[in-house]
């Protein structure tokens, strides 16, 4: 599971400096030139993990100043960073693991995965856009996105 501490280690591996700084409540984090700033006061540790995952996603997927979200190229880079964060924090196999652990309900699933409910919903929405209403997670499982669930597939 990608926890805040694991993500701090990931950042360090890539020589990304991470600072917790007081920021306006609307700002969760910011990445620029190998430095991540995470809002120190308005976020829980789970919020910080989701934010840090996205900011590390910017390190891996973005170039230049993308603050102007009116520019479609910048919006695409923002989306790529979020997708990186979704795959980091909620890989498909973790949804299958949660199913086997008998986790039900979005609140419990978010807690199991170590993400906020908002982040979980955004990831599910993005996975639905990418894969449609379902995706084959592995040789034995299909994940349904609406309603969210896992189906065990038996070989024929």
Protein backbone atom coordinates (compact mmCIF):
# COMPACT_ATOMS: atom_id res chain seq x y z
CA UNK A 1 0.00 0.00 0.00
CA UNK A 2 1.24 3.48 -0.84
CA UNK A 3 1.26 5.40 2.43
CA UNK A 4 2.47 8.94 2.97
CA UNK A 5 5.73 7.54 4.38
CA UNK A 6 6.17 5.22 1.37
CA UNK A 7 5.60 8.16 -0.96
CA UNK A 8 8.16 10.24 0.92
CA UNK A 9 10.62 7.39 0.28
CA UNK A 10 9.61 7.33 -3.40
CA UNK A 11 10.22 11.07 -3.63
CA UNK A 12 13.62 10.72 -1.99
CA UNK A 13 14.60 7.99 -4.50
CA UNK A 14 14.04 10.53 -7.27
CA UNK A 15 15.76 13.37 -5.40
CA UNK A 16 12.46 15.20 -4.96
CA UNK A 17 12.43 17.42 -1.89
CA UNK A 18 9.12 17.43 0.01
CA UNK A 19 8.08 20.23 2.33
CA UNK A 20 4.91 20.61 4.35
CA UNK A 21 4.05 24.30 4.21
CA UNK A 22 1.06 26.38 5.26
CA UNK A 23 -0.97 27.05 2.11
CA UNK A 24 -4.41 28.41 1.30
CA UNK A 25 -7.08 25.76 1.99
CA UNK A 26 -7.89 25.45 -1.74
CA UNK A 27 -4.28 24.42 -2.45
CA UNK A 28 -3.44 20.85 -1.51
CA UNK A 29 -0.01 20.73 -3.09
CA UNK A 30 2.35 22.03 -5.72
CA UNK A 31 5.29 20.59 -7.69
CA UNK A 32 8.06 22.60 -9.35
CA UNK A 33 11.66 21.84 -10.27
CA UNK A 34 12.13 18.77 -8.07
CA UNK A 35 10.33 20.23 -5.05
CA UNK A 36 6.90 19.31 -3.71
CA UNK A 37 4.99 21.50 -1.28
CA UNK A 38 2.13 19.81 0.58
CA UNK A 39 -0.40 21.83 2.54
CA UNK A 40 0.57 21.35 6.18
CA UNK A 41 -2.55 22.50 7.99
CA UNK A 42 -5.66 21.57 6.09
CA UNK A 43 -4.97 17.94 5.24
CA UNK A 44 -5.07 14.61 7.06
CA UNK A 45 -2.25 12.13 6.50
CA UNK A 46 -4.47 10.30 4.01
CA UNK A 47 -5.14 13.59 2.17
CA UNK A 48 -1.41 14.28 2.19
CA UNK A 49 -0.70 10.85 0.68
CA UNK A 50 -3.18 11.43 -2.16
CA UNK A 51 -1.75 14.89 -2.77
CA UNK A 52 1.86 13.72 -2.66
CA UNK A 53 1.06 10.90 -5.11
CA UNK A 54 -0.31 13.42 -7.59
CA UNK A 55 2.64 15.77 -7.13
CA UNK A 56 5.09 12.89 -7.69
CA UNK A 57 2.96 12.11 -10.74
CA UNK A 58 3.81 15.59 -12.02
CA UNK A 59 7.50 14.77 -11.61
CA UNK A 60 7.02 11.67 -13.78
CA UNK A 61 4.63 13.09 -16.38
CA UNK A 62 4.74 16.90 -16.61
CA UNK A 63 7.05 19.51 -18.06
CA UNK A 64 7.08 23.27 -17.71
CA UNK A 65 4.65 25.59 -15.98
CA UNK A 66 1.15 24.10 -16.18
CA UNK A 67 -0.62 26.47 -13.78
CA UNK A 68 -2.74 27.99 -16.58
CA UNK A 69 -5.47 25.35 -16.80
CA UNK A 70 -7.17 27.24 -19.63
CA UNK A 71 -4.49 25.73 -21.91
CA UNK A 72 -5.58 22.24 -23.02
CA UNK A 73 -1.96 21.02 -23.03
CA UNK A 74 -1.69 21.90 -19.35
CA UNK A 75 -4.99 20.18 -18.55
CA UNK A 76 -3.71 17.05 -20.28
CA UNK A 77 -0.55 17.12 -18.17
CA UNK A 78 -2.68 17.55 -15.03
CA UNK A 79 -4.75 14.52 -16.05
CA UNK A 80 -1.63 12.40 -16.67
CA UNK A 81 -0.31 13.28 -13.20
CA UNK A 82 -3.63 12.34 -11.62
CA UNK A 83 -3.72 9.08 -13.57
CA UNK A 84 -0.24 8.29 -12.27
CA UNK A 85 -1.50 8.94 -8.74
CA UNK A 86 -4.58 6.74 -9.22
CA UNK A 87 -2.46 3.85 -10.46
CA UNK A 88 0.01 4.40 -7.62
CA UNK A 89 -2.58 4.56 -4.84
CA UNK A 90 -5.31 2.30 -6.26
CA UNK A 91 -3.87 -0.28 -8.64
CA UNK A 92 -6.49 -2.73 -9.88
CA UNK A 93 -5.01 -5.61 -7.89
CA UNK A 94 -5.68 -3.69 -4.65
CA UNK A 95 -9.39 -3.52 -5.50
CA UNK A 96 -9.31 -7.30 -5.93
CA UNK A 97 -7.46 -7.66 -2.60
CA UNK A 98 -10.13 -5.54 -0.91
CA UNK A 99 -12.80 -7.83 -2.37
CA UNK A 100 -11.02 -10.89 -0.93
CA UNK A 101 -10.74 -9.09 2.42
CA UNK A 102 -14.55 -8.71 2.27
CA UNK A 103 -14.39 -4.92 2.25
CA UNK A 104 -17.72 -3.40 1.26
CA UNK A 105 -18.85 0.17 0.91
CA UNK A 106 -16.89 3.11 -0.41
CA UNK A 107 -15.94 4.47 3.01
CA UNK A 108 -14.44 1.13 4.08
CA UNK A 109 -12.79 0.64 0.69
CA UNK A 110 -11.20 4.10 0.83
CA UNK A 111 -9.95 3.38 4.35
CA UNK A 112 -8.58 -0.02 3.28
CA UNK A 113 -6.77 1.54 0.31
CA UNK A 114 -5.46 4.49 2.34
CA UNK A 115 -7.14 7.15 0.21
CA UNK A 116 -9.92 9.68 0.67
CA UNK A 117 -13.41 8.88 -0.58
CA UNK A 118 -13.08 11.81 -2.99
CA UNK A 119 -9.82 10.38 -4.41
CA UNK A 120 -11.39 6.90 -4.67
CA UNK A 121 -14.38 8.26 -6.59
CA UNK A 122 -12.14 10.28 -8.93
CA UNK A 123 -10.06 7.16 -9.60
CA UNK A 124 -13.17 5.06 -10.29
CA UNK A 125 -14.48 7.76 -12.63
CA UNK A 126 -11.17 7.86 -14.49
CA UNK A 127 -10.95 4.05 -14.69
CA UNK A 128 -14.51 4.04 -16.09
CA UNK A 129 -13.50 6.59 -18.74
CA UNK A 130 -10.44 4.53 -19.62
CA UNK A 131 -11.81 0.96 -19.47
CA UNK A 132 -15.59 1.28 -19.72
CA UNK A 133 -17.92 -0.35 -17.20
CA UNK A 134 -15.51 -3.20 -16.42
CA UNK A 135 -11.93 -4.34 -16.78
CA UNK A 136 -10.22 -7.70 -16.50
CA UNK A 137 -7.90 -7.22 -13.51
CA UNK A 138 -6.12 -10.56 -13.92
CA UNK A 139 -6.81 -14.09 -15.18
CA UNK A 140 -9.37 -14.69 -12.44
CA UNK A 141 -11.08 -11.35 -11.72
CA UNK A 142 -13.14 -8.70 -13.48
CA UNK A 143 -13.71 -5.35 -11.78
CA UNK A 144 -17.07 -3.67 -12.36
CA UNK A 145 -17.08 0.08 -11.91
CA UNK A 146 -20.82 0.76 -11.73
CA UNK A 147 -21.82 -0.60 -9.35
CA UNK A 148 -18.33 -1.14 -7.95
CA UNK A 149 -17.59 -4.81 -7.44
CA UNK A 150 -15.34 -7.73 -8.33
CA UNK A 151 -16.41 -10.89 -10.14
CA UNK A 152 -14.40 -14.07 -9.94
CA UNK A 153 -13.96 -15.63 -13.38
CA UNK A 154 -13.63 -19.38 -13.69
CA UNK A 155 -11.68 -20.90 -16.60
CA UNK A 156 -13.79 -22.66 -19.21
